[in-house]
Amino acid sequence: MALKMSDELLGIVMPILVYWIYSGIYMALESTKSFDNYKLHSKEDEDDNNLVSKTTVIKGVLLTQTLQAVGAFLLFTVTRGNEAETSPREPSSLIIIATQFVIAMLVFDTWTYFTPRYMHQNKFLYRHLHSWHHQLVVSYAFGVQYTHPLEGLLVDTVGGALAFIVSGMSPRTSIFFFLFVSLKIVDDHCGLRLPGNLIQIFFKNNSAYHDVHHQLYGGKYNFSQPSFIMGDRILGTYMPYSLEKRAEGAFEVRAAAGIKEYNKDG
């Protein structure tokens, strides 16, 4: 059964393409000295703390994205014919699409909150799956999908499928939803805090927020992404932080109430 080229195939290809374009822009900015003052970590932090090379990360991301593309292909193939396109002539079409978008965000956020959190609590799953992602203490923009391939399927692919099915969005609407997800998760891992960045201004779970989660003291906190922080706020995994200027320039993310208070339970 062939995919419709204009919608379903674009829904598979475009998020991956945007992922690499957007992360490539960030990597270019990061290599420019004029942006050093906006970094959350120094080059020394990266060299001392990261456990894998950029080449390894790129290979891992490409493998994960290949498996996710196959999963998306199967999803569109199975659901093809069950998703009716909403006529653009209907005056409520934009409201319907906006509602589907919000539902998809809530479903995806809920799934991607609880699954990584459980993987942090379950020592076996953390050791064999989720620890891959935390080999990057200083995250790269393109490293957000550096995960164990099985985790990529369980978290992102299944989460995306649930968001697509539960929201009832069409393949065409899903293009824009998954483009948003790609942009947001790359931005959350970019390692920069840029003035005028609307994503970082509008969303509270931005690059600084998620940087806390990648530090040793914050691994059990600030899980929420990509859209809302309700999960952390409601379920007690929110760690407040401050963003302070280093003497040598750039920023430092610090737990506002101190590391020991948040790490007292191990």
C-alpha atoms as a PDB file:
ATOM      1  CA  MET A   1       0.000   0.000   0.000  1.00  0.00           C
ATOM      2  CA  ALA A   2       1.717   3.169  -1.143  1.00  0.00           C
ATOM      3  CA  LEU A   3       2.083   6.266   0.978  1.00  0.00           C
ATOM      4  CA  LYS A   4       0.668   9.573  -0.179  1.00  0.00           C
ATOM      5  CA  MET A   5       3.775  11.495  -1.183  1.00  0.00           C
ATOM      6  CA  SER A   6       2.438  14.925  -0.266  1.00  0.00           C
ATOM      7  CA  ASP A   7       1.504  14.161   3.336  1.00  0.00           C
ATOM      8  CA  GLU A   8       2.638  10.898   4.862  1.00  0.00           C
ATOM      9  CA  LEU A   9       6.083  10.771   3.295  1.00  0.00           C
ATOM     10  CA  LEU A  10       6.664  14.411   4.163  1.00  0.00           C
ATOM     11  CA  GLY A  11       5.590  13.597   7.722  1.00  0.00           C
ATOM     12  CA  ILE A  12       8.443  11.091   7.885  1.00  0.00           C
ATOM     13  CA  VAL A  13      11.173  12.984   6.040  1.00  0.00           C
ATOM     14  CA  MET A  14      10.658  16.642   7.006  1.00  0.00           C
ATOM     15  CA  PRO A  15      11.134  16.334  10.803  1.00  0.00           C
ATOM     16  CA  ILE A  16      14.435  14.516  10.238  1.00  0.00           C
ATOM     17  CA  LEU A  17      15.587  17.076   7.683  1.00  0.00           C
ATOM     18  CA  VAL A  18      14.669  19.995   9.956  1.00  0.00           C
ATOM     19  CA  TYR A  19      16.388  18.231  12.880  1.00  0.00           C
ATOM     20  CA  TRP A  20      19.740  18.256  11.066  1.00  0.00           C
ATOM     21  CA  ILE A  21      19.344  21.736   9.567  1.00  0.00           C
ATOM     22  CA  TYR A  22      18.431  23.331  12.898  1.00  0.00           C
ATOM     23  CA  SER A  23      21.076  21.481  14.885  1.00  0.00           C
ATOM     24  CA  GLY A  24      23.619  22.346  12.168  1.00  0.00           C
ATOM     25  CA  ILE A  25      22.811  26.034  12.625  1.00  0.00           C
ATOM     26  CA  TYR A  26      23.399  25.703  16.359  1.00  0.00           C
ATOM     27  CA  MET A  27      26.687  23.881  15.878  1.00  0.00           C
ATOM     28  CA  ALA A  28      27.830  26.636  13.512  1.00  0.00           C
ATOM     29  CA  LEU A  29      26.907  29.281  16.103  1.00  0.00           C
ATOM     30  CA  GLU A  30      28.662  27.324  18.838  1.00  0.00           C
ATOM     31  CA  SER A  31      31.885  27.268  16.848  1.00  0.00           C
ATOM     32  CA  THR A  32      31.789  31.069  16.478  1.00  0.00           C
ATOM     33  CA  LYS A  33      33.664  32.944  19.200  1.00  0.00           C
ATOM     34  CA  SER A  34      31.101  35.731  19.296  1.00  0.00           C
ATOM     35  CA  PHE A  35      28.597  33.254  20.773  1.00  0.00           C
ATOM     36  CA  ASP A  36      30.888  32.048  23.571  1.00  0.00           C
ATOM     37  CA  ASN A  37      29.121  34.323  26.063  1.00  0.00           C
ATOM     38  CA  TYR A  38      25.821  32.503  25.464  1.00  0.00           C
ATOM     39  CA  LYS A  39      27.074  28.964  26.134  1.00  0.00           C
ATOM     40  CA  LEU A  40      25.876  26.987  29.134  1.00  0.00           C
ATOM     41  CA  HIS A  41      29.172  25.070  29.301  1.00  0.00           C
ATOM     42  CA  SER A  42      32.754  25.648  28.328  1.00  0.00           C
ATOM     43  CA  LYS A  43      34.739  23.512  25.886  1.00  0.00           C
ATOM     44  CA  GLU A  44      36.621  22.173  28.902  1.00  0.00           C
ATOM     45  CA  ASP A  45      33.345  20.974  30.452  1.00  0.00           C
ATOM     46  CA  GLU A  46      32.514  19.157  27.227  1.00  0.00           C
ATOM     47  CA  ASP A  47      35.925  17.495  26.958  1.00  0.00           C
ATOM     48  CA  ASP A  48      36.002  16.477  30.642  1.00  0.00           C
ATOM     49  CA  ASN A  49      32.440  15.222  31.090  1.00  0.00           C
ATOM     50  CA  ASN A  50      31.138  13.779  27.824  1.00  0.00           C
ATOM     51  CA  LEU A  51      31.789  10.062  27.459  1.00  0.00           C
ATOM     52  CA  VAL A  52      31.241   9.698  23.711  1.00  0.00           C
ATOM     53  CA  SER A  53      32.620  11.450  20.641  1.00  0.00           C
ATOM     54  CA  LYS A  54      30.560  13.559  18.264  1.00  0.00           C
ATOM     55  CA  THR A  55      31.096  10.937  15.558  1.00  0.00           C
ATOM     56  CA  THR A  56      29.619   8.239  17.799  1.00  0.00           C
ATOM     57  CA  VAL A  57      26.668  10.495  18.604  1.00  0.00           C
ATOM     58  CA  ILE A  58      25.962  11.188  14.907  1.00  0.00           C
ATOM     59  CA  LYS A  59      26.045   7.462  14.077  1.00  0.00           C
ATOM     60  CA  GLY A  60      23.725   6.684  16.987  1.00  0.00           C
ATOM     61  CA  VAL A  61      21.250   9.404  16.006  1.00  0.00           C
ATOM     62  CA  LEU A  62      21.139   8.217  12.384  1.00  0.00           C
ATOM     63  CA  LEU A  63      20.406   4.656  13.530  1.00  0.00           C
ATOM     64  CA  THR A  64      17.632   5.835  15.862  1.00  0.00           C
ATOM     65  CA  GLN A  65      16.093   8.027  13.166  1.00  0.00           C
ATOM     66  CA  THR A  66      16.157   5.178  10.648  1.00  0.00           C
ATOM     67  CA  LEU A  67      14.234   2.932  13.019  1.00  0.00           C
ATOM     68  CA  GLN A  68      11.805   5.730  13.819  1.00  0.00           C
ATOM     69  CA  ALA A  69      11.220   6.381  10.117  1.00  0.00           C
ATOM     70  CA  VAL A  70      10.333   2.709   9.674  1.00  0.00           C
ATOM     71  CA  GLY A  71       7.980   2.955  12.646  1.00  0.00           C
ATOM     72  CA  ALA A  72       6.310   6.058  11.193  1.00  0.00           C
ATOM     73  CA  PHE A  73       5.937   4.324   7.820  1.00  0.00           C
ATOM     74  CA  LEU A  74       4.167   1.404   9.497  1.00  0.00           C
ATOM     75  CA  LEU A  75       1.954   3.761  11.500  1.00  0.00           C
ATOM     76  CA  PHE A  76       0.823   5.702   8.433  1.00  0.00           C
ATOM     77  CA  THR A  77       0.299   2.491   6.493  1.00  0.00           C
ATOM     78  CA  VAL A  78      -1.861   0.912   9.217  1.00  0.00           C
ATOM     79  CA  THR A  79      -3.920   4.047   9.862  1.00  0.00           C
ATOM     80  CA  ARG A  80      -4.270   5.039   6.212  1.00  0.00           C
ATOM     81  CA  GLY A  81      -7.899   5.453   5.305  1.00  0.00           C
ATOM     82  CA  ASN A  82      -8.957   5.880   8.937  1.00  0.00           C
ATOM     83  CA  GLU A  83      -7.856   9.503   9.119  1.00  0.00           C
ATOM     84  CA  ALA A  84     -10.246  11.836   7.323  1.00  0.00           C
ATOM     85  CA  GLU A  85      -8.968  15.178   6.079  1.00  0.00           C
ATOM     86  CA  THR A  86     -10.910  18.099   7.494  1.00  0.00           C
ATOM     87  CA  SER A  87     -12.266  20.307   4.704  1.00  0.00           C
ATOM     88  CA  PRO A  88     -10.584  23.749   4.674  1.00  0.00           C
ATOM     89  CA  ARG A  89     -13.982  25.236   3.787  1.00  0.00           C
ATOM     90  CA  GLU A  90     -15.353  24.459   7.236  1.00  0.00           C
ATOM     91  CA  PRO A  91     -15.135  27.538   9.472  1.00  0.00           C
ATOM     92  CA  SER A  92     -14.123  25.381  12.455  1.00  0.00           C
ATOM     93  CA  SER A  93     -11.183  23.716  10.703  1.00  0.00           C
ATOM     94  CA  LEU A  94      -8.515  25.897  12.336  1.00  0.00           C
ATOM     95  CA  ILE A  95     -10.094  25.362  15.758  1.00  0.00           C
ATOM     96  CA  ILE A  96     -10.148  21.601  15.184  1.00  0.00           C
ATOM     97  CA  ILE A  97      -6.505  21.588  14.108  1.00  0.00           C
ATOM     98  CA  ALA A  98      -5.482  23.722  17.108  1.00  0.00           C
ATOM     99  CA  THR A  99      -7.369  21.378  19.438  1.00  0.00           C
ATOM    100  CA  GLN A 100      -5.685  18.337  17.888  1.00  0.00           C
ATOM    101  CA  PHE A 101      -2.325  20.049  18.264  1.00  0.00           C
ATOM    102  CA  VAL A 102      -2.875  20.700  21.982  1.00  0.00           C
ATOM    103  CA  ILE A 103      -4.124  17.141  22.577  1.00  0.00           C
ATOM    104  CA  ALA A 104      -1.088  15.749  20.748  1.00  0.00           C
ATOM    105  CA  MET A 105       1.223  17.935  22.850  1.00  0.00           C
ATOM    106  CA  LEU A 106      -0.394  16.725  26.079  1.00  0.00           C
ATOM    107  CA  VAL A 107      -0.258  13.060  25.054  1.00  0.00           C
ATOM    108  CA  PHE A 108       3.337  13.262  23.821  1.00  0.00           C
ATOM    109  CA  ASP A 109       4.468  15.210  26.900  1.00  0.00           C
ATOM    110  CA  THR A 110       2.799  12.713  29.245  1.00  0.00           C
ATOM    111  CA  TRP A 111       4.421   9.728  27.549  1.00  0.00           C
ATOM    112  CA  THR A 112       7.866  11.332  27.341  1.00  0.00           C
ATOM    113  CA  TYR A 113       7.649  12.352  31.006  1.00  0.00           C
ATOM    114  CA  PHE A 114       6.769   8.991  32.522  1.00  0.00           C
ATOM    115  CA  THR A 115       8.914   6.710  30.353  1.00  0.00           C
ATOM    116  CA  PRO A 116      12.294   8.436  30.947  1.00  0.00           C
ATOM    117  CA  ARG A 117      11.391   8.937  34.604  1.00  0.00           C
ATOM    118  CA  TYR A 118      10.746   5.211  35.000  1.00  0.00           C
ATOM    119  CA  MET A 119      14.021   4.477  33.229  1.00  0.00           C
ATOM    120  CA  HIS A 120      15.805   6.598  35.816  1.00  0.00           C
ATOM    121  CA  GLN A 121      14.103   4.710  38.650  1.00  0.00           C
ATOM    122  CA  ASN A 122      14.674   1.229  37.215  1.00  0.00           C
ATOM    123  CA  LYS A 123      18.390   0.496  37.533  1.00  0.00           C
ATOM    124  CA  PHE A 124      18.370  -2.194  34.833  1.00  0.00           C
ATOM    125  CA  LEU A 125      16.666   0.040  32.272  1.00  0.00           C
ATOM    126  CA  TYR A 126      18.878   2.983  33.160  1.00  0.00           C
ATOM    127  CA  ARG A 127      22.072   0.967  32.887  1.00  0.00           C
ATOM    128  CA  HIS A 128      21.193  -0.753  29.620  1.00  0.00           C
ATOM    129  CA  LEU A 129      19.036   1.872  27.861  1.00  0.00           C
ATOM    130  CA  HIS A 130      18.751   5.394  29.215  1.00  0.00           C
ATOM    131  CA  SER A 131      22.382   5.786  30.267  1.00  0.00           C
ATOM    132  CA  TRP A 132      23.246   6.124  26.561  1.00  0.00           C
ATOM    133  CA  HIS A 133      21.587   9.531  26.445  1.00  0.00           C
ATOM    134  CA  HIS A 134      23.283  10.670  29.664  1.00  0.00           C
ATOM    135  CA  GLN A 135      26.716   9.988  28.295  1.00  0.00           C
ATOM    136  CA  LEU A 136      26.268  13.575  27.118  1.00  0.00           C
ATOM    137  CA  VAL A 137      26.530  15.725  30.236  1.00  0.00           C
ATOM    138  CA  VAL A 138      27.185  18.713  27.984  1.00  0.00           C
ATOM    139  CA  SER A 139      24.537  18.151  25.351  1.00  0.00           C
ATOM    140  CA  TYR A 140      24.958  18.772  21.633  1.00  0.00           C
ATOM    141  CA  ALA A 141      22.085  20.189  19.601  1.00  0.00           C
ATOM    142  CA  PHE A 142      22.177  17.116  17.350  1.00  0.00           C
ATOM    143  CA  GLY A 143      22.529  14.762  20.322  1.00  0.00           C
ATOM    144  CA  VAL A 144      18.952  14.851  21.565  1.00  0.00           C
ATOM    145  CA  GLN A 145      18.143  11.622  19.734  1.00  0.00           C
ATOM    146  CA  TYR A 146      21.334   9.924  20.811  1.00  0.00           C
ATOM    147  CA  THR A 147      19.591   7.120  22.674  1.00  0.00           C
ATOM    148  CA  HIS A 148      19.632   3.364  22.740  1.00  0.00           C
ATOM    149  CA  PRO A 149      17.647   2.350  19.619  1.00  0.00           C
ATOM    150  CA  LEU A 150      15.139   0.437  21.754  1.00  0.00           C
ATOM    151  CA  GLU A 151      14.564   3.499  23.925  1.00  0.00           C
ATOM    152  CA  GLY A 152      14.095   5.604  20.807  1.00  0.00           C
ATOM    153  CA  LEU A 153      11.310   3.262  19.716  1.00  0.00           C
ATOM    154  CA  LEU A 154       9.693   2.988  23.163  1.00  0.00           C
ATOM    155  CA  VAL A 155       9.792   6.689  24.000  1.00  0.00           C
ATOM    156  CA  ASP A 156       9.745   8.802  20.841  1.00  0.00           C
ATOM    157  CA  THR A 157       8.164   6.464  18.274  1.00  0.00           C
ATOM    158  CA  VAL A 158       5.449   5.061  20.527  1.00  0.00           C
ATOM    159  CA  GLY A 159       4.864   8.513  22.044  1.00  0.00           C
ATOM    160  CA  GLY A 160       4.523  10.063  18.606  1.00  0.00           C
ATOM    161  CA  ALA A 161       2.165   7.295  17.474  1.00  0.00           C
ATOM    162  CA  LEU A 162      -0.046   7.773  20.533  1.00  0.00           C
ATOM    163  CA  ALA A 163      -0.126  11.554  19.991  1.00  0.00           C
ATOM    164  CA  PHE A 164      -1.090  11.026  16.340  1.00  0.00           C
ATOM    165  CA  ILE A 165      -3.825   8.469  17.048  1.00  0.00           C
ATOM    166  CA  VAL A 166      -5.365   9.992  20.186  1.00  0.00           C
ATOM    167  CA  SER A 167      -5.480  13.525  18.758  1.00  0.00           C
ATOM    168  CA  GLY A 168      -7.079  12.297  15.530  1.00  0.00           C
ATOM    169  CA  MET A 169      -4.886  14.597  13.463  1.00  0.00           C
ATOM    170  CA  SER A 170      -4.458  14.018   9.738  1.00  0.00           C
ATOM    171  CA  PRO A 171      -1.098  13.124   8.192  1.00  0.00           C
ATOM    172  CA  ARG A 172      -0.924  16.708   6.907  1.00  0.00           C
ATOM    173  CA  THR A 173      -1.401  18.173  10.378  1.00  0.00           C
ATOM    174  CA  SER A 174       1.123  15.708  11.766  1.00  0.00           C
ATOM    175  CA  ILE A 175       3.801  17.198   9.516  1.00  0.00           C
ATOM    176  CA  PHE A 176       3.592  20.464  11.433  1.00  0.00           C
ATOM    177  CA  PHE A 177       3.298  18.792  14.816  1.00  0.00           C
ATOM    178  CA  PHE A 178       6.418  16.681  14.352  1.00  0.00           C
ATOM    179  CA  LEU A 179       8.275  19.641  12.835  1.00  0.00           C
ATOM    180  CA  PHE A 180       7.503  21.523  16.041  1.00  0.00           C
ATOM    181  CA  VAL A 181       8.724  18.581  18.135  1.00  0.00           C
ATOM    182  CA  SER A 182      11.980  18.386  16.151  1.00  0.00           C
ATOM    183  CA  LEU A 183      12.656  22.110  16.515  1.00  0.00           C
ATOM    184  CA  LYS A 184      11.824  22.118  20.212  1.00  0.00           C
ATOM    185  CA  ILE A 185      13.880  19.110  21.293  1.00  0.00           C
ATOM    186  CA  VAL A 186      16.905  20.320  19.330  1.00  0.00           C
ATOM    187  CA  ASP A 187      16.575  23.739  20.956  1.00  0.00           C
ATOM    188  CA  ASP A 188      16.316  22.128  24.403  1.00  0.00           C
ATOM    189  CA  HIS A 189      19.681  20.436  23.861  1.00  0.00           C
ATOM    190  CA  CYS A 190      21.487  23.244  22.038  1.00  0.00           C
ATOM    191  CA  GLY A 191      23.683  24.257  24.983  1.00  0.00           C
ATOM    192  CA  LEU A 192      23.087  27.962  24.334  1.00  0.00           C
ATOM    193  CA  ARG A 193      20.895  30.587  25.980  1.00  0.00           C
ATOM    194  CA  LEU A 194      20.263  33.122  23.253  1.00  0.00           C
ATOM    195  CA  PRO A 195      18.581  36.512  23.675  1.00  0.00           C
ATOM    196  CA  GLY A 196      15.561  36.906  21.434  1.00  0.00           C
ATOM    197  CA  ASN A 197      15.103  33.153  20.957  1.00  0.00           C
ATOM    198  CA  LEU A 198      11.298  32.863  21.005  1.00  0.00           C
ATOM    199  CA  ILE A 199      11.352  29.146  21.830  1.00  0.00           C
ATOM    200  CA  GLN A 200      13.517  29.747  24.894  1.00  0.00           C
ATOM    201  CA  ILE A 201      11.430  32.756  25.950  1.00  0.00           C
ATOM    202  CA  PHE A 202       7.979  31.246  25.426  1.00  0.00           C
ATOM    203  CA  PHE A 203       8.645  27.765  26.837  1.00  0.00           C
ATOM    204  CA  LYS A 204       9.792  27.360  30.434  1.00  0.00           C
ATOM    205  CA  ASN A 205      11.335  23.954  29.712  1.00  0.00           C
ATOM    206  CA  ASN A 206      14.077  25.446  27.569  1.00  0.00           C
ATOM    207  CA  SER A 207      17.779  24.702  27.136  1.00  0.00           C
ATOM    208  CA  ALA A 208      18.678  25.851  30.663  1.00  0.00           C
ATOM    209  CA  TYR A 209      15.779  23.912  32.201  1.00  0.00           C
ATOM    210  CA  HIS A 210      16.815  20.677  30.500  1.00  0.00           C
ATOM    211  CA  ASP A 211      20.501  21.283  31.194  1.00  0.00           C
ATOM    212  CA  VAL A 212      19.690  20.716  34.879  1.00  0.00           C
ATOM    213  CA  HIS A 213      18.449  17.218  34.025  1.00  0.00           C
ATOM    214  CA  HIS A 214      21.729  16.333  32.315  1.00  0.00           C
ATOM    215  CA  GLN A 215      23.845  17.239  35.344  1.00  0.00           C
ATOM    216  CA  LEU A 216      24.714  14.645  37.983  1.00  0.00           C
ATOM    217  CA  TYR A 217      22.706  16.485  40.644  1.00  0.00           C
ATOM    218  CA  GLY A 218      19.628  16.862  38.434  1.00  0.00           C
ATOM    219  CA  GLY A 219      19.156  13.438  36.873  1.00  0.00           C
ATOM    220  CA  LYS A 220      15.957  12.782  38.841  1.00  0.00           C
ATOM    221  CA  TYR A 221      14.451  16.176  38.031  1.00  0.00           C
ATOM    222  CA  ASN A 222      13.210  18.340  35.155  1.00  0.00           C
ATOM    223  CA  PHE A 223      12.025  15.499  32.945  1.00  0.00           C
ATOM    224  CA  SER A 224       9.287  17.501  31.223  1.00  0.00           C
ATOM    225  CA  GLN A 225       9.632  18.136  27.503  1.00  0.00           C
ATOM    226  CA  PRO A 226       8.950  19.315  24.904  1.00  0.00           C
ATOM    227  CA  SER A 227       5.930  21.533  25.607  1.00  0.00           C
ATOM    228  CA  PHE A 228       4.881  21.863  29.251  1.00  0.00           C
ATOM    229  CA  ILE A 229       6.371  21.493  32.745  1.00  0.00           C
ATOM    230  CA  MET A 230       3.154  20.317  34.405  1.00  0.00           C
ATOM    231  CA  GLY A 231       4.507  16.823  35.001  1.00  0.00           C
ATOM    232  CA  ASP A 232       7.456  18.101  37.013  1.00  0.00           C
ATOM    233  CA  ARG A 233       5.352  20.670  38.885  1.00  0.00           C
ATOM    234  CA  ILE A 234       2.529  18.292  39.815  1.00  0.00           C
ATOM    235  CA  LEU A 235       4.601  15.194  40.592  1.00  0.00           C
ATOM    236  CA  GLY A 236       7.423  16.811  42.559  1.00  0.00           C
ATOM    237  CA  THR A 237      10.281  16.476  40.088  1.00  0.00           C
ATOM    238  CA  TYR A 238      10.744  20.182  39.396  1.00  0.00           C
ATOM    239  CA  MET A 239      14.144  21.594  40.341  1.00  0.00           C
ATOM    240  CA  PRO A 240      14.308  25.401  40.347  1.00  0.00           C
ATOM    241  CA  TYR A 241      17.511  26.885  39.044  1.00  0.00           C
ATOM    242  CA  SER A 242      19.261  30.165  38.431  1.00  0.00           C
ATOM    243  CA  LEU A 243      21.182  31.242  35.363  1.00  0.00           C
ATOM    244  CA  GLU A 244      24.327  33.111  36.338  1.00  0.00           C
ATOM    245  CA  LYS A 245      27.156  34.691  34.430  1.00  0.00           C
ATOM    246  CA  ARG A 246      30.587  33.103  34.769  1.00  0.00           C
ATOM    247  CA  ALA A 247      33.533  35.373  35.492  1.00  0.00           C
ATOM    248  CA  GLU A 248      35.145  34.266  32.239  1.00  0.00           C
ATOM    249  CA  GLY A 249      31.901  34.790  30.317  1.00  0.00           C
ATOM    250  CA  ALA A 250      29.076  32.452  29.289  1.00  0.00           C
ATOM    251  CA  PHE A 251      26.411  31.142  31.665  1.00  0.00           C
ATOM    252  CA  GLU A 252      26.258  28.646  34.492  1.00  0.00           C
ATOM    253  CA  VAL A 253      23.063  26.833  35.435  1.00  0.00           C
ATOM    254  CA  ARG A 254      22.812  26.353  39.194  1.00  0.00           C
ATOM    255  CA  ALA A 255      20.216  24.555  41.281  1.00  0.00           C
ATOM    256  CA  ALA A 256      18.544  27.458  43.093  1.00  0.00           C
ATOM    257  CA  ALA A 257      18.072  25.664  46.411  1.00  0.00           C
ATOM    258  CA  GLY A 258      21.429  23.909  46.375  1.00  0.00           C
ATOM    259  CA  ILE A 259      22.569  20.509  45.214  1.00  0.00           C
ATOM    260  CA  LYS A 260      22.474  18.722  48.567  1.00  0.00           C
ATOM    261  CA  GLU A 261      18.822  19.454  49.252  1.00  0.00           C
ATOM    262  CA  TYR A 262      17.749  17.910  45.963  1.00  0.00           C
ATOM    263  CA  ASN A 263      20.177  15.014  46.140  1.00  0.00           C
ATOM    264  CA  LYS A 264      19.498  13.918  49.712  1.00  0.00           C
ATOM    265  CA  ASP A 265      17.603  10.809  48.584  1.00  0.00           C
ATOM    266  CA  GLY A 266      20.421   9.675  46.305  1.00  0.00           C
END
